[in-house]
Amino acid sequence: MPKITVLDEATINQIAAGEVIERPSAVVKELVENAIDAGSTVITVEIKEGGISFLRITDNGSGIEEGDMPFVFLRHSTSKIRTADDLLRITSLGFRGEALSSIAAVSQVELVTKTPESFTGIRYLIEGGVEKGLEHIGCPEGTTFIIRNLFFNTPARKKFLKSAVTEAGYIQDFMERIAVSHPQISFKFIVNGQVKLHTSGNNNQKDVIYHIFGRDITSHLISVKGEDGDLTLTGFIAKPAISRGNRNYENYFINGRFVKNPIIYKAIEEAFKPYIMLHRYPFTALMLTIDTELIDVNVHPAKLEVRFKNGEELYRFIYNTIRNTLEGRDLITEVHLTKEDNARKIEQKLPEPFEVKRRQEEGLSYKAPHQPSSFTYDKNNNSNNQISSVLKEAIKATEIGQLKSYVDTAPSILMESKARLQEGLTEIPENTGIYKGESSTAPQKEKTDLNNVLAEGSIGTNQPMQPAEIYRYLKLMEYMSRWLSYRKRL
């Protein structure tokens, strides 16, 4: 059997880092919680490549004094507790003193800090748990951590990380939760130079929910407030219309700490059970304040689980508070209908002869023709007289209507010539000129094409027309007149 030996400090730190620092989001969690404990009101988190190659966390907190710098990255060095009894009265988010030593053991860390009382700041470099430099620099009040090349000396750990986009998504989920639980702090989250989250820090939790989850969820929020002895529950829940197929919308915080506990989520789901579908989970953003002596937060390496001394009492309190909030409320989503305009504009096109179905729908009598060129029209049908004046005006505005009005006002000589042609008079003296409103002799003119006659506008002018041109034009007028009479019957 091999001999038992005591591990060196570097190996111990890397083992501890395996429990505390699983991925870049764990680094952000530990450093942001330390910034909150330092009394910061503005916290900025910037990452590149999912936080694997670059992480920067900046705050305006109290900073670190120069005399404490040798102990910052030592294991179990903390300013949160002094004795074991303090573990029963933990009010801060961090308390173990393992985070900084674990981070420094697996990355390259640069620390810049300054206290309000100091004239200059301090820049401290540590790489893989080994100190690289310490110097005084000018910097603003607060603390800045720059983490480069995470897991550079543990390639086996780095191999199990997911893609940069996925790792950045984990960090963004944490930033959204911490922003909801601390609305009094302004958070800014930057990914590859793009701002993904920026809260105002105005201590309005509803504004933070609107900024993160959007208008649809915010419009369905219901305020929750309950108190029973040492227990206080505040925050918001959404109406049952807002639900999801998983518990990602169930956000609840105990003394400002995001946790996952079966007692709490069972109480929430049981209160919503009469109002929500099966296998659907509600939206909650609840802040639970409880006496620190009634809970134990030192049960999980990442501090995501807690134990309660009064679990049954806590269950009843949360259940009754949410149930009383939901009862007696109108939980049906409002639907606003717009009034229809009674004066509808009549904008329609007259049906063509082949549109049998449309003519029947519009109440116009139409009998299917036996031949494409003929049809039967019912004069006794009263529906023929129901065409509104609006449609008649629309017909007059068309090209056919304008042509009809032009034909109706044509010179009387054209009508006389048409009658003479119909009686069989086919020969017209070539020396006869036709003028507007009168007849007279004129010199003979060369025959021209009908298109040229129409284009030059000889009708209605003093230019003479040839007999062949008159005949073609009258035949054209006859066809147009028949077609217009047919359209009029429609």
Protein backbone atom coordinates (compact mmCIF):
# COMPACT_ATOMS: atom_id res chain seq x y z
CA MET A 1 0.00 0.00 0.00
CA PRO A 2 1.41 3.44 -0.91
CA LYS A 3 2.46 5.77 1.85
CA ILE A 4 0.10 8.51 2.99
CA THR A 5 1.45 11.97 2.21
CA VAL A 6 0.22 15.51 2.69
CA LEU A 7 -0.58 17.26 -0.57
CA ASP A 8 1.11 20.53 -1.43
CA GLU A 9 -0.79 23.80 -1.48
CA ALA A 10 -1.06 24.03 -5.28
CA THR A 11 -2.64 20.58 -5.54
CA ILE A 12 -5.06 21.36 -2.71
CA ASN A 13 -6.15 24.55 -4.44
CA GLN A 14 -6.77 22.77 -7.74
CA ILE A 15 -8.85 20.10 -5.97
CA ALA A 16 -10.88 22.83 -4.26
CA ALA A 17 -11.27 24.60 -7.58
CA GLY A 18 -12.86 21.47 -9.01
CA GLU A 19 -15.68 21.82 -6.46
CA VAL A 20 -16.16 25.59 -6.57
CA ILE A 21 -15.08 26.63 -10.09
CA GLU A 22 -16.84 24.39 -12.58
CA ARG A 23 -17.15 26.84 -15.48
CA PRO A 24 -16.80 30.59 -16.19
CA SER A 25 -20.26 31.31 -14.76
CA ALA A 26 -19.03 30.07 -11.35
CA VAL A 27 -16.18 32.60 -11.48
CA VAL A 28 -18.61 35.40 -12.26
CA LYS A 29 -20.95 34.27 -9.49
CA GLU A 30 -18.26 34.30 -6.81
CA LEU A 31 -16.78 37.67 -7.82
CA VAL A 32 -20.15 39.41 -8.26
CA GLU A 33 -21.31 38.16 -4.86
CA ASN A 34 -18.08 39.51 -3.32
CA ALA A 35 -18.77 42.87 -4.99
CA ILE A 36 -22.29 42.94 -3.52
CA ASP A 37 -20.91 42.13 -0.07
CA ALA A 38 -18.49 45.05 -0.48
CA GLY A 39 -21.41 47.49 -0.72
CA SER A 40 -21.21 48.17 -4.46
CA THR A 41 -23.98 50.07 -6.24
CA VAL A 42 -22.63 49.64 -9.79
CA ILE A 43 -21.23 46.34 -11.08
CA THR A 44 -20.00 45.70 -14.62
CA VAL A 45 -19.23 42.25 -16.01
CA GLU A 46 -17.45 41.92 -19.36
CA ILE A 47 -16.57 38.61 -21.03
CA LYS A 48 -15.01 37.43 -24.27
CA GLU A 49 -15.27 33.97 -25.82
CA GLY A 50 -17.78 32.86 -23.23
CA GLY A 51 -15.52 33.96 -20.35
CA ILE A 52 -12.90 31.32 -21.13
CA SER A 53 -10.23 33.70 -22.42
CA PHE A 54 -11.24 36.95 -20.72
CA LEU A 55 -13.35 38.01 -17.74
CA ARG A 56 -13.51 41.44 -16.10
CA ILE A 57 -15.64 42.31 -13.07
CA THR A 58 -15.60 45.94 -11.93
CA ASP A 59 -17.39 47.47 -8.93
CA ASN A 60 -17.39 50.67 -6.89
CA GLY A 61 -17.34 48.97 -3.51
CA SER A 62 -15.13 49.49 -0.47
CA GLY A 63 -12.01 47.95 -2.05
CA ILE A 64 -9.22 45.96 -0.37
CA GLU A 65 -6.67 47.52 1.95
CA GLU A 66 -2.99 47.18 1.19
CA GLY A 67 -2.32 45.29 4.41
CA ASP A 68 -4.80 42.56 3.42
CA MET A 69 -3.27 41.87 0.00
CA PRO A 70 -1.00 38.97 1.17
CA PHE A 71 -4.07 37.11 2.45
CA VAL A 72 -6.50 37.73 -0.40
CA PHE A 73 -5.68 34.58 -2.38
CA LEU A 74 -5.04 32.24 0.55
CA ARG A 75 -7.48 29.40 1.20
CA HIS A 76 -10.14 30.06 3.84
CA SER A 77 -9.18 33.70 4.23
CA THR A 78 -12.34 35.78 4.55
CA SER A 79 -13.68 38.96 6.07
CA LYS A 80 -17.25 37.61 6.47
CA ILE A 81 -16.93 35.37 9.53
CA ARG A 82 -14.59 34.95 12.48
CA THR A 83 -15.77 31.87 14.39
CA ALA A 84 -17.89 28.78 13.80
CA ASP A 85 -20.83 30.44 15.54
CA ASP A 86 -20.93 33.00 12.75
CA LEU A 87 -22.01 30.25 10.35
CA LEU A 88 -25.44 30.34 12.03
CA ARG A 89 -25.81 34.08 11.42
CA ILE A 90 -24.61 34.52 7.85
CA THR A 91 -25.99 37.63 6.20
CA SER A 92 -23.51 37.87 3.33
CA LEU A 93 -23.55 35.97 0.04
CA GLY A 94 -20.00 34.66 0.46
CA PHE A 95 -18.34 33.42 3.61
CA ARG A 96 -15.96 30.49 3.02
CA GLY A 97 -12.91 32.24 1.58
CA GLU A 98 -12.32 29.56 -1.05
CA ALA A 99 -13.35 31.39 -4.21
CA LEU A 100 -10.33 33.63 -4.83
CA SER A 101 -7.77 30.94 -4.09
CA SER A 102 -9.59 28.49 -6.36
CA ILE A 103 -9.81 31.04 -9.19
CA ALA A 104 -6.14 32.00 -8.87
CA ALA A 105 -5.11 28.32 -8.98
CA VAL A 106 -6.53 27.72 -12.47
CA SER A 107 -6.18 31.10 -14.23
CA GLN A 108 -4.14 34.25 -14.67
CA VAL A 109 -5.53 36.92 -12.35
CA GLU A 110 -4.97 40.66 -12.26
CA LEU A 111 -6.41 42.57 -9.29
CA VAL A 112 -6.73 46.36 -9.19
CA THR A 113 -8.25 47.86 -6.04
CA LYS A 114 -8.43 51.09 -4.06
CA THR A 115 -10.13 52.05 -0.81
CA PRO A 116 -11.73 55.50 -0.26
CA GLU A 117 -9.04 56.37 2.32
CA SER A 118 -6.07 55.46 0.10
CA PHE A 119 -4.30 57.95 -2.16
CA THR A 120 -3.26 55.35 -4.75
CA GLY A 121 -4.48 51.93 -5.71
CA ILE A 122 -2.80 48.53 -5.87
CA ARG A 123 -2.21 46.25 -8.84
CA TYR A 124 -1.58 42.62 -7.96
CA LEU A 125 -0.73 39.79 -10.39
CA ILE A 126 -1.01 36.07 -9.65
CA GLU A 127 -0.80 33.16 -12.11
CA GLY A 128 -1.59 29.54 -11.27
CA GLY A 129 -1.42 30.32 -7.55
CA VAL A 130 2.03 31.93 -7.85
CA GLU A 131 2.48 35.65 -7.17
CA LYS A 132 3.89 37.57 -10.13
CA GLY A 133 3.91 41.21 -9.08
CA LEU A 134 2.61 43.98 -6.81
CA GLU A 135 2.70 47.72 -7.52
CA HIS A 136 0.95 51.00 -6.76
CA ILE A 137 -1.06 52.63 -9.54
CA GLY A 138 -3.66 55.31 -9.95
CA CYS A 139 -7.22 53.97 -10.22
CA PRO A 140 -10.78 54.79 -9.15
CA GLU A 141 -12.31 53.55 -5.92
CA GLY A 142 -13.49 49.97 -5.95
CA THR A 143 -12.14 46.67 -7.22
CA THR A 144 -11.50 45.21 -10.65
CA PHE A 145 -10.75 41.54 -11.31
CA ILE A 146 -9.38 40.50 -14.71
CA ILE A 147 -9.33 36.74 -15.30
CA ARG A 148 -7.46 35.45 -18.34
CA ASN A 149 -7.07 31.94 -19.78
CA LEU A 150 -9.30 30.03 -17.42
CA PHE A 151 -8.11 26.42 -16.84
CA PHE A 152 -4.87 27.14 -18.73
CA ASN A 153 -2.96 24.70 -16.47
CA THR A 154 -5.71 22.05 -16.31
CA PRO A 155 -6.44 21.12 -19.94
CA ALA A 156 -8.59 18.17 -18.86
CA ARG A 157 -11.03 20.58 -17.18
CA LYS A 158 -11.02 22.94 -20.13
CA LYS A 159 -11.85 20.10 -22.53
CA PHE A 160 -15.21 19.54 -20.82
CA LEU A 161 -16.36 23.14 -21.25
CA LYS A 162 -19.09 23.79 -23.79
CA SER A 163 -19.07 26.29 -26.64
CA ALA A 164 -18.44 29.97 -26.02
CA VAL A 165 -22.08 30.82 -26.80
CA THR A 166 -23.38 28.27 -24.29
CA GLU A 167 -21.00 29.41 -21.55
CA ALA A 168 -22.00 33.02 -22.18
CA GLY A 169 -25.65 31.97 -21.86
CA TYR A 170 -24.98 30.51 -18.40
CA ILE A 171 -23.38 33.77 -17.30
CA GLN A 172 -26.28 35.80 -18.66
CA ASP A 173 -28.80 33.62 -16.77
CA PHE A 174 -26.94 34.34 -13.54
CA MET A 175 -26.74 38.07 -14.27
CA GLU A 176 -30.49 38.24 -14.89
CA ARG A 177 -31.28 36.47 -11.61
CA ILE A 178 -28.89 38.57 -9.55
CA ALA A 179 -30.34 41.73 -11.11
CA VAL A 180 -33.89 40.70 -10.14
CA SER A 181 -32.84 39.91 -6.57
CA HIS A 182 -30.90 43.18 -6.15
CA PRO A 183 -32.83 45.96 -7.94
CA GLN A 184 -30.99 48.60 -5.92
CA ILE A 185 -27.75 47.78 -7.79
CA SER A 186 -27.05 48.77 -11.40
CA PHE A 187 -25.73 45.78 -13.35
CA LYS A 188 -24.11 45.91 -16.76
CA PHE A 189 -23.27 42.81 -18.74
CA ILE A 190 -21.09 43.02 -21.88
CA VAL A 191 -20.41 40.12 -24.26
CA ASN A 192 -17.73 40.62 -26.93
CA GLY A 193 -18.22 44.38 -26.81
CA GLN A 194 -22.04 44.27 -26.96
CA VAL A 195 -24.18 45.28 -23.99
CA LYS A 196 -26.62 42.45 -23.24
CA LEU A 197 -28.01 43.72 -19.93
CA HIS A 198 -28.05 47.09 -18.22
CA THR A 199 -30.31 47.87 -15.26
CA SER A 200 -30.86 51.28 -13.73
CA GLY A 201 -30.47 50.39 -10.06
CA ASN A 202 -33.53 52.45 -9.05
CA ASN A 203 -34.67 49.81 -6.52
CA ASN A 204 -37.77 49.01 -8.59
CA GLN A 205 -38.02 45.28 -9.11
CA LYS A 206 -40.82 45.61 -11.65
CA ASP A 207 -38.62 47.75 -13.89
CA VAL A 208 -35.93 45.07 -13.81
CA ILE A 209 -38.47 42.38 -14.73
CA TYR A 210 -39.69 44.52 -17.62
CA HIS A 211 -36.14 45.05 -18.84
CA ILE A 212 -35.28 41.33 -18.72
CA PHE A 213 -38.52 39.48 -19.50
CA GLY A 214 -40.36 42.03 -21.60
CA ARG A 215 -43.75 43.75 -21.70
CA ASP A 216 -45.96 40.65 -22.06
CA ILE A 217 -44.91 39.18 -18.72
CA THR A 218 -44.77 42.53 -16.94
CA SER A 219 -48.36 43.35 -17.96
CA HIS A 220 -49.59 40.16 -16.20
CA LEU A 221 -47.73 40.67 -12.91
CA ILE A 222 -49.48 40.51 -9.55
CA SER A 223 -47.85 41.94 -6.45
CA VAL A 224 -47.28 39.52 -3.56
CA LYS A 225 -46.84 40.56 0.05
CA GLY A 226 -47.10 38.44 3.17
CA GLU A 227 -45.66 38.35 6.68
CA ASP A 228 -45.78 35.82 9.49
CA GLY A 229 -43.39 36.24 12.41
CA ASP A 230 -39.84 35.81 11.16
CA LEU A 231 -41.00 35.11 7.60
CA THR A 232 -41.60 37.80 5.00
CA LEU A 233 -42.53 37.20 1.35
CA THR A 234 -42.57 39.97 -1.25
CA GLY A 235 -42.23 40.21 -5.00
CA PHE A 236 -44.35 39.39 -8.03
CA ILE A 237 -46.11 36.45 -9.62
CA ALA A 238 -47.62 36.35 -13.10
CA LYS A 239 -51.19 35.40 -13.94
CA PRO A 240 -51.76 31.76 -14.91
CA ALA A 241 -51.87 32.83 -18.57
CA ILE A 242 -48.06 33.12 -18.35
CA SER A 243 -46.58 29.65 -17.92
CA ARG A 244 -43.77 27.49 -19.20
CA GLY A 245 -42.99 23.83 -19.67
CA ASN A 246 -40.08 23.94 -17.19
CA ARG A 247 -39.17 25.69 -13.95
CA ASN A 248 -36.90 28.31 -15.50
CA TYR A 249 -39.53 30.99 -14.75
CA GLU A 250 -39.65 30.09 -11.05
CA ASN A 251 -37.24 32.56 -9.45
CA TYR A 252 -37.16 32.80 -5.68
CA PHE A 253 -34.46 34.21 -3.44
CA ILE A 254 -33.77 33.66 0.25
CA ASN A 255 -32.16 36.67 1.92
CA GLY A 256 -31.03 37.82 -1.54
CA ARG A 257 -29.50 34.46 -2.48
CA PHE A 258 -30.78 32.44 -5.45
CA VAL A 259 -31.44 28.87 -4.33
CA LYS A 260 -33.26 25.75 -5.47
CA ASN A 261 -35.38 24.07 -2.84
CA PRO A 262 -38.19 21.48 -3.24
CA ILE A 263 -40.18 22.91 -0.32
CA ILE A 264 -40.48 26.30 -1.98
CA TYR A 265 -41.28 25.20 -5.52
CA LYS A 266 -43.82 22.61 -4.31
CA ALA A 267 -45.62 25.30 -2.31
CA ILE A 268 -45.67 27.61 -5.36
CA GLU A 269 -46.94 24.91 -7.74
CA GLU A 270 -49.62 23.69 -5.34
CA ALA A 271 -50.95 27.23 -4.95
CA PHE A 272 -51.15 27.58 -8.75
CA LYS A 273 -52.57 24.09 -9.30
CA PRO A 274 -56.29 25.11 -9.59
CA TYR A 275 -55.44 27.83 -12.11
CA ILE A 276 -52.81 26.33 -14.39
CA MET A 277 -52.60 23.38 -16.74
CA LEU A 278 -50.86 20.15 -15.85
CA HIS A 279 -47.10 20.09 -16.45
CA ARG A 280 -47.02 23.86 -16.76
CA TYR A 281 -45.07 26.07 -14.35
CA PRO A 282 -45.76 29.70 -13.39
CA PHE A 283 -43.60 32.81 -13.44
CA THR A 284 -42.44 34.04 -10.02
CA ALA A 285 -39.94 36.58 -8.72
CA LEU A 286 -40.27 36.19 -4.95
CA MET A 287 -38.05 37.54 -2.21
CA LEU A 288 -38.16 35.49 1.00
CA THR A 289 -36.66 37.00 4.12
CA ILE A 290 -36.06 34.59 7.00
CA ASP A 291 -34.11 34.60 10.23
CA THR A 292 -30.55 33.42 9.50
CA GLU A 293 -30.65 31.07 12.52
CA LEU A 294 -33.49 29.10 10.88
CA ILE A 295 -31.54 28.18 7.74
CA ASP A 296 -28.24 26.49 6.91
CA VAL A 297 -26.58 27.70 3.71
CA ASN A 298 -23.35 25.70 4.19
CA VAL A 299 -24.63 22.52 2.55
CA HIS A 300 -23.63 22.94 -1.11
CA PRO A 301 -20.27 23.85 -2.72
CA ALA A 302 -21.94 26.47 -4.91
CA LYS A 303 -24.37 27.53 -2.14
CA LEU A 304 -27.39 26.70 -4.35
CA GLU A 305 -29.16 24.63 -1.68
CA VAL A 306 -30.23 25.43 1.87
CA ARG A 307 -31.80 23.59 4.77
CA PHE A 308 -34.69 24.84 6.88
CA LYS A 309 -35.41 24.13 10.52
CA ASN A 310 -39.10 24.94 10.05
CA GLY A 311 -39.80 23.45 6.60
CA GLU A 312 -43.52 22.70 7.22
CA GLU A 313 -44.19 26.17 8.55
CA LEU A 314 -42.40 27.71 5.58
CA TYR A 315 -44.42 25.57 3.15
CA ARG A 316 -47.77 26.65 4.64
CA PHE A 317 -46.72 30.29 4.72
CA ILE A 318 -45.72 30.41 1.03
CA TYR A 319 -48.73 28.36 -0.06
CA ASN A 320 -51.27 30.49 1.80
CA THR A 321 -49.70 33.78 0.71
CA ILE A 322 -49.78 32.90 -3.00
CA ARG A 323 -53.24 31.29 -2.80
CA ASN A 324 -54.71 34.35 -1.09
CA THR A 325 -53.12 36.54 -3.73
CA LEU A 326 -54.70 34.57 -6.58
CA GLU A 327 -58.16 34.20 -5.02
CA GLY A 328 -60.73 36.85 -5.83
CA ARG A 329 -58.81 38.23 -8.79
CA ASP A 330 -59.83 38.40 -12.40
CA LEU A 331 -57.26 36.09 -13.95
CA ILE A 332 -58.81 36.07 -17.44
CA THR A 333 -56.76 37.87 -20.03
CA GLU A 334 -58.47 40.99 -21.34
CA VAL A 335 -59.16 41.15 -25.08
CA HIS A 336 -59.89 44.57 -26.60
CA LEU A 337 -62.04 44.59 -29.72
CA THR A 338 -62.08 47.45 -32.22
CA LYS A 339 -65.37 48.84 -33.52
CA GLU A 340 -66.12 48.32 -37.19
CA ASP A 341 -66.71 51.33 -39.37
CA ASN A 342 -70.37 51.35 -40.39
CA ALA A 343 -69.77 53.54 -43.44
CA ARG A 344 -67.81 51.07 -45.50
CA LYS A 345 -66.43 52.28 -48.78
CA ILE A 346 -67.83 50.52 -51.82
CA GLU A 347 -64.78 49.63 -53.79
CA GLN A 348 -65.56 46.69 -56.02
CA LYS A 349 -65.24 45.74 -59.62
CA LEU A 350 -68.23 44.88 -61.75
CA PRO A 351 -68.43 41.13 -62.40
CA GLU A 352 -67.61 39.84 -65.82
CA PRO A 353 -70.16 37.70 -67.73
CA PHE A 354 -68.29 34.50 -66.87
CA GLU A 355 -68.29 35.22 -63.11
CA VAL A 356 -71.52 33.30 -62.43
CA LYS A 357 -70.85 32.63 -58.76
CA ARG A 358 -69.97 36.21 -57.97
CA ARG A 359 -73.08 37.53 -59.72
CA GLN A 360 -75.25 35.20 -57.65
CA GLU A 361 -73.58 36.30 -54.41
CA GLU A 362 -74.18 39.97 -55.27
CA GLY A 363 -77.87 39.35 -55.97
CA LEU A 364 -77.71 39.89 -59.72
CA SER A 365 -79.86 37.61 -61.89
CA TYR A 366 -77.84 35.63 -64.38
CA LYS A 367 -78.66 32.49 -66.32
CA ALA A 368 -75.76 30.36 -67.51
CA PRO A 369 -75.37 30.75 -71.30
CA HIS A 370 -75.49 27.84 -73.68
CA GLN A 371 -72.90 29.53 -75.87
CA PRO A 372 -70.07 31.76 -74.82
CA SER A 373 -71.34 34.64 -76.99
CA SER A 374 -74.98 34.75 -75.80
CA PHE A 375 -76.83 34.97 -72.54
CA THR A 376 -80.38 35.30 -71.18
CA TYR A 377 -81.31 38.39 -69.25
CA ASP A 378 -84.34 38.55 -66.98
CA LYS A 379 -85.94 41.98 -67.29
CA ASN A 380 -88.58 41.28 -64.65
CA ASN A 381 -86.02 40.64 -61.96
CA ASN A 382 -86.16 43.46 -59.42
CA SER A 383 -82.59 42.88 -58.41
CA ASN A 384 -81.52 44.49 -61.68
CA ASN A 385 -82.69 47.83 -60.33
CA GLN A 386 -80.69 47.53 -57.12
CA ILE A 387 -77.42 48.82 -58.52
CA SER A 388 -76.48 51.76 -56.39
CA SER A 389 -75.70 55.19 -57.70
CA VAL A 390 -72.17 54.77 -56.38
CA LEU A 391 -71.56 51.93 -58.85
CA LYS A 392 -73.03 53.97 -61.69
CA GLU A 393 -70.68 56.80 -60.93
CA ALA A 394 -67.83 54.30 -60.84
CA ILE A 395 -68.82 53.09 -64.33
CA LYS A 396 -68.81 56.63 -65.69
CA ALA A 397 -65.29 57.10 -64.40
CA THR A 398 -63.96 54.17 -66.44
CA GLU A 399 -62.57 54.37 -69.98
CA ILE A 400 -65.70 52.69 -71.39
CA GLY A 401 -67.94 55.21 -69.68
CA GLN A 402 -65.92 58.09 -71.07
CA LEU A 403 -66.06 56.57 -74.56
CA LYS A 404 -69.85 56.17 -74.25
CA SER A 405 -70.28 59.81 -73.34
CA TYR A 406 -68.10 60.77 -76.31
CA VAL A 407 -70.25 58.66 -78.67
CA ASP A 408 -73.47 60.13 -77.27
CA THR A 409 -72.22 63.63 -78.09
CA ALA A 410 -70.86 62.71 -81.56
CA PRO A 411 -71.82 64.97 -84.51
CA SER A 412 -75.21 64.30 -85.99
CA ILE A 413 -73.69 63.82 -89.44
CA LEU A 414 -72.07 60.60 -88.24
CA MET A 415 -75.45 59.22 -87.20
CA GLU A 416 -76.95 60.20 -90.58
CA SER A 417 -74.06 58.56 -92.43
CA LYS A 418 -74.54 55.42 -90.34
CA ALA A 419 -78.25 55.27 -91.32
CA ARG A 420 -77.43 55.76 -95.00
CA LEU A 421 -74.86 52.99 -94.89
CA GLN A 422 -77.34 50.63 -93.23
CA GLU A 423 -79.92 51.36 -95.97
CA GLY A 424 -77.47 50.07 -98.53
CA LEU A 425 -75.92 53.25 -99.72
CA THR A 426 -72.37 52.07 -100.08
CA GLU A 427 -71.06 54.53 -102.60
CA ILE A 428 -70.33 58.02 -101.49
CA PRO A 429 -69.09 60.67 -103.90
CA GLU A 430 -65.41 61.08 -103.54
CA ASN A 431 -65.70 64.86 -103.79
CA THR A 432 -67.90 65.03 -100.69
CA GLY A 433 -66.14 66.24 -97.54
CA ILE A 434 -67.48 65.70 -94.08
CA TYR A 435 -67.03 68.45 -91.58
CA LYS A 436 -68.13 69.02 -88.04
CA GLY A 437 -71.80 70.03 -88.14
CA GLU A 438 -72.05 70.55 -91.95
CA SER A 439 -71.54 68.95 -95.36
CA SER A 440 -69.71 70.51 -98.31
CA THR A 441 -67.59 69.64 -101.26
CA ALA A 442 -63.84 69.41 -100.80
CA PRO A 443 -60.87 68.22 -102.78
CA GLN A 444 -60.19 64.51 -102.82
CA LYS A 445 -57.74 63.26 -100.18
CA GLU A 446 -55.60 60.17 -100.13
CA LYS A 447 -56.86 57.24 -98.11
CA THR A 448 -55.23 56.80 -94.79
CA ASP A 449 -55.16 54.03 -92.27
CA LEU A 450 -57.79 54.02 -89.53
CA ASN A 451 -55.15 54.09 -86.81
CA ASN A 452 -53.66 57.26 -88.30
CA VAL A 453 -57.09 58.85 -88.47
CA LEU A 454 -57.79 58.13 -84.84
CA ALA A 455 -54.34 59.18 -83.77
CA GLU A 456 -54.49 62.50 -85.60
CA GLY A 457 -57.90 63.28 -84.12
CA SER A 458 -59.71 64.03 -87.42
CA ILE A 459 -63.08 63.47 -85.77
CA GLY A 460 -64.44 66.72 -84.44
CA THR A 461 -62.08 68.83 -86.57
CA ASN A 462 -62.37 70.54 -89.94
CA GLN A 463 -60.23 67.90 -91.71
CA PRO A 464 -62.10 65.88 -94.41
CA MET A 465 -62.52 62.10 -94.10
CA GLN A 466 -62.57 59.51 -96.88
CA PRO A 467 -65.61 57.19 -97.33
CA ALA A 468 -63.69 54.06 -96.39
CA GLU A 469 -62.50 55.73 -93.22
CA ILE A 470 -66.06 56.78 -92.36
CA TYR A 471 -67.31 53.24 -92.86
CA ARG A 472 -64.64 51.72 -90.60
CA TYR A 473 -65.22 54.30 -87.91
CA LEU A 474 -69.01 53.81 -87.96
CA LYS A 475 -68.61 50.04 -87.70
CA LEU A 476 -66.36 50.58 -84.71
CA MET A 477 -68.96 52.84 -83.10
CA GLU A 478 -71.64 50.24 -83.78
CA TYR A 479 -69.67 47.52 -82.00
CA MET A 480 -68.90 49.81 -79.09
CA SER A 481 -72.55 50.83 -78.83
CA ARG A 482 -73.67 47.20 -78.70
CA TRP A 483 -71.08 46.42 -76.05
CA LEU A 484 -72.09 49.43 -73.96
CA SER A 485 -75.76 48.46 -74.13
CA TYR A 486 -74.82 45.00 -72.96
CA ARG A 487 -72.83 46.42 -70.06
CA LYS A 488 -75.74 48.70 -69.20
CA ARG A 489 -78.09 45.73 -68.88
CA LEU A 490 -75.63 44.15 -66.41
